[in-house]
């Protein structure tokens, strides 16, 4: 009798896992198209209501080239592209991973494929340069690819360099030359100019951030952020079977869970469990608002095997059920 019940329970759990797998695979492509991942440069720029790219794997333009486009506030998103922006005029609040940044004139900032981000600006008055490229850009030009090696494209790095006046002049000159080369159609030359700019930015990065006090505890916070963003990137890509717990993250970082939470609390004001929960809720809200997925489909996508547990989990943080949240958004 006990063996029979145990087998039936195992079958039930297996069935739930199979349903989760197939539903995630079926709905993931739709999710990726709408909110989680912009798969290429064209999709990214279309999603941001910006310019149509000239080439498939490399694009550079000025904000003033398309003054009436570019949304003032985005939903949370990722892209499979590398982005470099030099802001010469305007302001914006960015959230990249766990970090908040205020961008203003002289901000040189970088966004990598795994960065979850969104931004908000008050005025449509940006001036500056936007450069976007993919790993395939180097394949197309038969040249080596080292984009991921730059510290500002790493999840562990700082994504913003605030330039001094003389630094702004130097980078503006370099990037404008790249812009002119791009518009002349000399794509091979663009690769060389791009790497000169990125190497100069890397040198400046190490000058600025190596001068800061290096604390092992702060490194743990950065490493946790890296693991967190990688994990949710893999969830969005359908490459994980379960949602990591505090113990999972601590194990990957080779620290005790209590120590991890203590350090995160010290530097961020939140424990590891609180940060993970917030991150799950961010993903859940994004899916509920931006797709036609049902609550059960959102739950399966985020690796919850039990929809009722996901509903309780969501309500505890948001104050309403996922269905109510979705209805409230759809009625706006």
Protein backbone atom coordinates (compact mmCIF):
# COMPACT_ATOMS: atom_id res chain seq x y z
CA UNK A 1 0.00 0.00 0.00
CA UNK A 2 2.73 2.48 1.01
CA UNK A 3 4.80 1.59 -2.04
CA UNK A 4 1.82 2.15 -4.33
CA UNK A 5 1.08 5.55 -2.79
CA UNK A 6 4.74 6.54 -3.02
CA UNK A 7 4.86 5.57 -6.69
CA UNK A 8 1.71 7.53 -7.43
CA UNK A 9 3.21 10.59 -5.67
CA UNK A 10 6.41 10.19 -7.68
CA UNK A 11 4.40 9.92 -10.89
CA UNK A 12 2.50 13.07 -9.97
CA UNK A 13 5.71 15.01 -9.31
CA UNK A 14 7.22 13.73 -12.55
CA UNK A 15 4.09 14.75 -14.46
CA UNK A 16 4.28 18.24 -12.96
CA UNK A 17 7.93 18.54 -13.98
CA UNK A 18 7.14 17.40 -17.52
CA UNK A 19 4.28 19.89 -17.77
CA UNK A 20 6.57 22.60 -16.47
CA UNK A 21 9.25 21.74 -19.05
CA UNK A 22 6.95 21.72 -22.06
CA UNK A 23 5.01 24.81 -21.03
CA UNK A 24 8.21 26.75 -20.43
CA UNK A 25 9.58 25.73 -23.83
CA UNK A 26 6.31 26.54 -25.57
CA UNK A 27 5.84 29.98 -24.05
CA UNK A 28 9.47 31.05 -23.68
CA UNK A 29 9.88 32.20 -27.28
CA UNK A 30 6.86 34.46 -26.96
CA UNK A 31 8.14 35.82 -23.65
CA UNK A 32 11.60 36.48 -25.07
CA UNK A 33 10.16 38.41 -28.00
CA UNK A 34 7.97 40.59 -25.84
CA UNK A 35 9.92 41.42 -22.74
CA UNK A 36 12.75 39.26 -21.46
CA UNK A 37 15.27 39.25 -24.31
CA UNK A 38 15.62 41.34 -27.45
CA UNK A 39 17.39 38.83 -29.65
CA UNK A 40 19.21 41.23 -31.98
CA UNK A 41 19.95 44.88 -32.68
CA UNK A 42 16.86 45.39 -34.85
CA UNK A 43 14.57 44.00 -32.14
CA UNK A 44 16.22 46.11 -29.45
CA UNK A 45 15.94 49.37 -31.38
CA UNK A 46 12.37 48.59 -32.44
CA UNK A 47 11.45 47.87 -28.83
CA UNK A 48 12.93 51.20 -27.77
CA UNK A 49 11.17 52.98 -30.66
CA UNK A 50 14.49 54.14 -32.04
CA UNK A 51 16.24 54.15 -35.40
CA UNK A 52 16.22 51.26 -37.89
CA UNK A 53 19.72 49.70 -37.92
CA UNK A 54 21.87 49.96 -41.01
CA UNK A 55 23.63 46.63 -40.47
CA UNK A 56 22.61 43.43 -38.73
CA UNK A 57 25.45 43.14 -36.22
CA UNK A 58 26.74 46.68 -35.75
CA UNK A 59 25.05 50.04 -35.36
CA UNK A 60 26.06 53.49 -34.21
CA UNK A 61 23.94 56.63 -34.24
CA UNK A 62 23.39 59.84 -32.34
CA UNK A 63 20.38 60.48 -30.13
CA UNK A 64 19.83 63.71 -32.06
CA UNK A 65 19.51 61.67 -35.30
CA UNK A 66 16.12 60.51 -34.02
CA UNK A 67 14.98 63.31 -31.67
CA UNK A 68 11.31 62.32 -31.56
CA UNK A 69 11.85 58.63 -30.85
CA UNK A 70 13.29 56.66 -27.94
CA UNK A 71 10.86 55.89 -25.13
CA UNK A 72 11.14 57.93 -21.94
CA UNK A 73 10.62 54.93 -19.68
CA UNK A 74 11.19 51.28 -20.48
CA UNK A 75 9.91 48.08 -19.05
CA UNK A 76 12.51 45.73 -17.61
CA UNK A 77 14.43 44.00 -20.38
CA UNK A 78 17.57 42.27 -21.58
CA UNK A 79 19.17 42.12 -24.98
CA UNK A 80 21.67 39.81 -26.66
CA UNK A 81 23.73 42.84 -27.69
CA UNK A 82 26.59 44.87 -26.28
CA UNK A 83 25.82 48.57 -25.88
CA UNK A 84 28.11 51.57 -25.36
CA UNK A 85 26.57 55.01 -24.76
CA UNK A 86 28.25 58.40 -24.40
CA UNK A 87 25.71 60.86 -23.03
CA UNK A 88 26.56 64.48 -23.87
CA UNK A 89 23.25 66.05 -22.82
CA UNK A 90 20.30 64.83 -20.80
CA UNK A 91 19.62 62.85 -17.65
CA UNK A 92 18.26 59.40 -16.84
CA UNK A 93 17.84 57.02 -13.94
CA UNK A 94 19.00 53.49 -14.73
CA UNK A 95 18.72 50.27 -12.80
CA UNK A 96 21.20 47.67 -14.02
CA UNK A 97 21.16 44.43 -12.04
CA UNK A 98 21.11 45.39 -8.36
CA UNK A 99 22.68 48.79 -9.00
CA UNK A 100 21.09 52.19 -9.52
CA UNK A 101 22.85 54.74 -11.72
CA UNK A 102 22.18 58.38 -12.43
CA UNK A 103 23.31 59.18 -15.97
CA UNK A 104 24.06 62.74 -17.03
CA UNK A 105 26.32 64.69 -19.39
CA UNK A 106 29.69 62.95 -19.43
CA UNK A 107 28.38 59.51 -18.53
CA UNK A 108 30.01 56.76 -20.58
CA UNK A 109 28.16 53.54 -19.83
CA UNK A 110 28.02 49.96 -20.99
CA UNK A 111 25.36 47.24 -21.10
CA UNK A 112 26.13 43.57 -21.71
CA UNK A 113 23.95 40.68 -22.87
CA UNK A 114 23.17 39.44 -19.36
CA UNK A 115 22.30 42.78 -17.80
CA UNK A 116 18.70 43.15 -16.72
CA UNK A 117 17.91 46.83 -16.96
CA UNK A 118 15.41 49.61 -17.31
CA UNK A 119 15.67 53.40 -17.48
CA UNK A 120 13.53 56.46 -16.96
CA UNK A 121 14.11 60.01 -18.19
CA UNK A 122 12.08 63.16 -17.65
CA UNK A 123 12.86 64.96 -20.92
CA UNK A 124 13.37 63.82 -24.49
CA UNK A 125 16.49 65.95 -24.86
CA UNK A 126 19.30 63.43 -25.02
CA UNK A 127 22.38 64.11 -27.11
CA UNK A 128 25.26 61.74 -27.57
CA UNK A 129 26.18 58.45 -29.22
CA UNK A 130 24.74 54.95 -29.05
CA UNK A 131 26.90 52.08 -30.29
CA UNK A 132 25.42 48.55 -30.40
CA UNK A 133 27.13 45.36 -31.53
CA UNK A 134 26.91 41.59 -31.22
CA UNK A 135 29.35 38.71 -30.97
CA UNK A 136 28.59 38.00 -34.63
CA UNK A 137 30.09 41.35 -35.60
CA UNK A 138 33.56 39.88 -35.18
CA UNK A 139 32.57 36.71 -37.03
CA UNK A 140 31.38 38.77 -39.98
CA UNK A 141 34.68 40.66 -40.07
CA UNK A 142 36.85 37.56 -39.43
CA UNK A 143 38.43 39.20 -36.40
CA UNK A 144 38.85 38.03 -32.79
CA UNK A 145 36.15 38.67 -30.21
CA UNK A 146 37.04 39.80 -26.70
CA UNK A 147 33.97 41.91 -25.84
CA UNK A 148 33.04 39.84 -22.78
CA UNK A 149 36.54 40.36 -21.34
CA UNK A 150 36.02 44.07 -20.75
CA UNK A 151 35.25 44.67 -17.05
CA UNK A 152 32.28 46.95 -17.68
CA UNK A 153 30.49 44.19 -19.67
CA UNK A 154 30.90 41.76 -16.79
CA UNK A 155 28.10 41.26 -14.28
CA UNK A 156 30.74 41.84 -11.62
CA UNK A 157 31.78 45.24 -12.97
CA UNK A 158 30.67 48.83 -12.74
CA UNK A 159 28.71 49.86 -15.83
CA UNK A 160 29.30 53.62 -15.64
CA UNK A 161 32.33 55.86 -16.10
CA UNK A 162 31.69 59.50 -15.25
CA UNK A 163 34.12 61.44 -17.42
CA UNK A 164 35.96 64.65 -16.66
CA UNK A 165 35.87 67.48 -19.20
CA UNK A 166 39.10 66.52 -20.96
CA UNK A 167 38.02 62.86 -21.02
CA UNK A 168 34.69 63.78 -22.60
CA UNK A 169 36.52 65.62 -25.39
CA UNK A 170 38.77 62.63 -26.09
CA UNK A 171 36.01 60.01 -26.17
CA UNK A 172 33.69 62.25 -28.16
CA UNK A 173 36.39 62.68 -30.80
CA UNK A 174 37.04 58.92 -31.00
CA UNK A 175 33.38 57.93 -31.11
CA UNK A 176 32.49 60.60 -33.64
CA UNK A 177 35.27 59.26 -35.91
CA UNK A 178 33.72 55.79 -35.54
CA UNK A 179 30.32 57.26 -36.41
CA UNK A 180 31.71 58.82 -39.61
CA UNK A 181 33.48 55.59 -40.59
CA UNK A 182 30.25 53.65 -40.07
CA UNK A 183 28.29 56.01 -42.30
CA UNK A 184 30.93 55.66 -45.01
CA UNK A 185 30.28 51.89 -45.07
CA UNK A 186 33.79 50.82 -43.93
CA UNK A 187 32.66 48.15 -41.47
CA UNK A 188 36.08 46.48 -41.08
CA UNK A 189 37.55 49.78 -39.96
CA UNK A 190 34.73 50.16 -37.44
CA UNK A 191 35.92 47.05 -35.60
CA UNK A 192 39.43 48.48 -35.15
CA UNK A 193 38.15 51.89 -34.02
CA UNK A 194 35.70 50.26 -31.63
CA UNK A 195 38.43 48.25 -29.93
CA UNK A 196 40.62 51.33 -29.54
CA UNK A 197 37.73 53.05 -27.75
CA UNK A 198 36.96 50.02 -25.58
CA UNK A 199 40.61 49.60 -24.62
CA UNK A 200 40.86 53.28 -23.66
CA UNK A 201 37.69 52.88 -21.60
CA UNK A 202 39.16 49.77 -19.94
CA UNK A 203 42.35 51.64 -19.01
CA UNK A 204 40.30 54.49 -17.56
CA UNK A 205 38.07 52.00 -15.72
CA UNK A 206 41.06 50.49 -13.92
CA UNK A 207 42.43 53.93 -13.11
CA UNK A 208 39.15 55.04 -11.56
CA UNK A 209 38.12 51.90 -9.72
CA UNK A 210 41.51 50.56 -8.65
CA UNK A 211 41.92 53.77 -6.64
CA UNK A 212 38.95 52.74 -4.50
CA UNK A 213 39.33 50.71 -1.31
CA UNK A 214 39.22 47.02 -2.14
CA UNK A 215 37.11 45.09 0.38
CA UNK A 216 36.58 41.31 0.23
CA UNK A 217 33.08 41.75 1.64
CA UNK A 218 32.17 44.14 -1.16
CA UNK A 219 33.51 41.58 -3.63
CA UNK A 220 31.07 39.03 -2.23
CA UNK A 221 28.18 41.38 -2.96
CA UNK A 222 29.40 41.80 -6.55
CA UNK A 223 29.82 38.04 -6.96
CA UNK A 224 26.31 37.42 -5.61
CA UNK A 225 24.91 39.96 -8.07
CA UNK A 226 26.73 38.19 -10.89
CA UNK A 227 25.35 34.79 -9.87
CA UNK A 228 21.84 36.22 -9.43
CA UNK A 229 21.72 37.83 -12.87
CA UNK A 230 23.25 34.77 -14.54
CA UNK A 231 20.64 32.56 -12.89
CA UNK A 232 17.69 34.66 -14.05
CA UNK A 233 19.20 34.98 -17.51
CA UNK A 234 19.28 31.19 -17.62
CA UNK A 235 15.69 31.00 -16.39
CA UNK A 236 14.63 33.32 -19.22
CA UNK A 237 16.56 31.10 -21.63
CA UNK A 238 14.97 27.91 -20.30
CA UNK A 239 18.28 26.47 -19.11
CA UNK A 240 17.50 25.75 -15.43
CA UNK A 241 15.15 23.32 -13.73
CA UNK A 242 14.64 25.01 -10.36
CA UNK A 243 14.77 28.42 -8.72
CA UNK A 244 17.94 28.86 -6.66
CA UNK A 245 17.58 29.24 -2.91
CA UNK A 246 19.87 31.14 -0.55
CA UNK A 247 21.68 27.86 0.10
CA UNK A 248 22.21 27.33 -3.64
CA UNK A 249 23.76 30.77 -4.09
CA UNK A 250 25.87 30.40 -0.95
CA UNK A 251 27.12 27.03 -2.19
CA UNK A 252 28.17 28.50 -5.50
CA UNK A 253 30.04 31.27 -3.66
CA UNK A 254 31.60 28.86 -1.12
CA UNK A 255 30.26 30.72 1.90
CA UNK A 256 27.77 29.92 4.66
CA UNK A 257 24.20 31.12 3.90
CA UNK A 258 24.10 33.15 7.13
CA UNK A 259 27.37 34.88 6.24
CA UNK A 260 26.07 35.71 2.76
CA UNK A 261 22.90 37.26 4.15
CA UNK A 262 24.85 39.18 6.80
CA UNK A 263 27.15 40.77 4.23
CA UNK A 264 24.32 41.56 1.82
CA UNK A 265 22.34 43.12 4.67
CA UNK A 266 25.35 45.28 5.56
CA UNK A 267 25.87 46.59 2.02
CA UNK A 268 22.36 46.60 0.54
CA UNK A 269 20.05 46.68 3.56
CA UNK A 270 18.45 43.40 2.44
CA UNK A 271 19.16 39.74 3.13
CA UNK A 272 19.87 37.22 0.37
CA UNK A 273 16.36 35.82 0.69
CA UNK A 274 14.80 39.27 0.35
CA UNK A 275 16.87 40.08 -2.75
CA UNK A 276 15.98 36.77 -4.40
CA UNK A 277 12.29 37.29 -3.65
CA UNK A 278 12.38 40.84 -5.04
CA UNK A 279 14.05 39.55 -8.18
CA UNK A 280 11.41 36.84 -8.66
CA UNK A 281 8.65 39.41 -8.23
CA UNK A 282 10.27 41.73 -10.79
CA UNK A 283 10.28 38.90 -13.34
CA UNK A 284 6.73 37.86 -12.46
CA UNK A 285 5.33 41.39 -12.78
CA UNK A 286 7.08 41.83 -16.10
CA UNK A 287 5.57 38.62 -17.49
CA UNK A 288 2.09 39.35 -16.13
CA UNK A 289 2.11 42.88 -17.57
CA UNK A 290 3.80 42.32 -20.89
CA UNK A 291 2.60 38.94 -22.15
CA UNK A 292 -0.65 37.03 -22.57
CA UNK A 293 0.57 34.24 -20.32
CA UNK A 294 -1.74 32.89 -17.64
CA UNK A 295 -0.73 32.84 -13.98
CA UNK A 296 0.07 29.13 -14.16
CA UNK A 297 2.26 29.69 -17.22
CA UNK A 298 4.15 32.49 -15.46
CA UNK A 299 4.61 30.22 -12.45
CA UNK A 300 6.00 27.40 -14.59
CA UNK A 301 8.29 29.81 -16.46
CA UNK A 302 9.77 30.91 -13.12
CA UNK A 303 10.23 27.28 -12.05
CA UNK A 304 7.33 27.09 -9.59
CA UNK A 305 5.79 23.61 -9.80
CA UNK A 306 2.76 24.66 -7.74
CA UNK A 307 0.64 27.56 -9.02
CA UNK A 308 -1.12 27.99 -5.67
CA UNK A 309 2.25 28.37 -3.91
CA UNK A 310 3.34 30.92 -6.54
CA UNK A 311 0.09 32.85 -5.93
CA UNK A 312 0.76 32.98 -2.17
CA UNK A 313 4.41 33.91 -2.81
CA UNK A 314 3.37 36.77 -5.10
CA UNK A 315 0.57 38.05 -2.86
CA UNK A 316 2.84 38.18 0.17
CA UNK A 317 5.13 40.64 -1.62
CA UNK A 318 2.70 42.62 -3.79
CA UNK A 319 -0.41 42.65 -1.61
CA UNK A 320 -2.65 41.14 -4.29
CA UNK A 321 -2.86 37.91 -6.23
CA UNK A 322 -1.21 37.58 -9.66
CA UNK A 323 -4.66 37.47 -11.30
CA UNK A 324 -5.71 40.73 -9.62
CA UNK A 325 -2.40 42.32 -10.57
CA UNK A 326 -2.83 41.24 -14.19
CA UNK A 327 -6.44 42.45 -14.32
CA UNK A 328 -5.47 45.80 -12.82
CA UNK A 329 -2.77 46.27 -15.43
CA UNK A 330 -4.97 45.18 -18.33
CA UNK A 331 -7.76 47.57 -17.30
CA UNK A 332 -5.50 50.62 -17.45
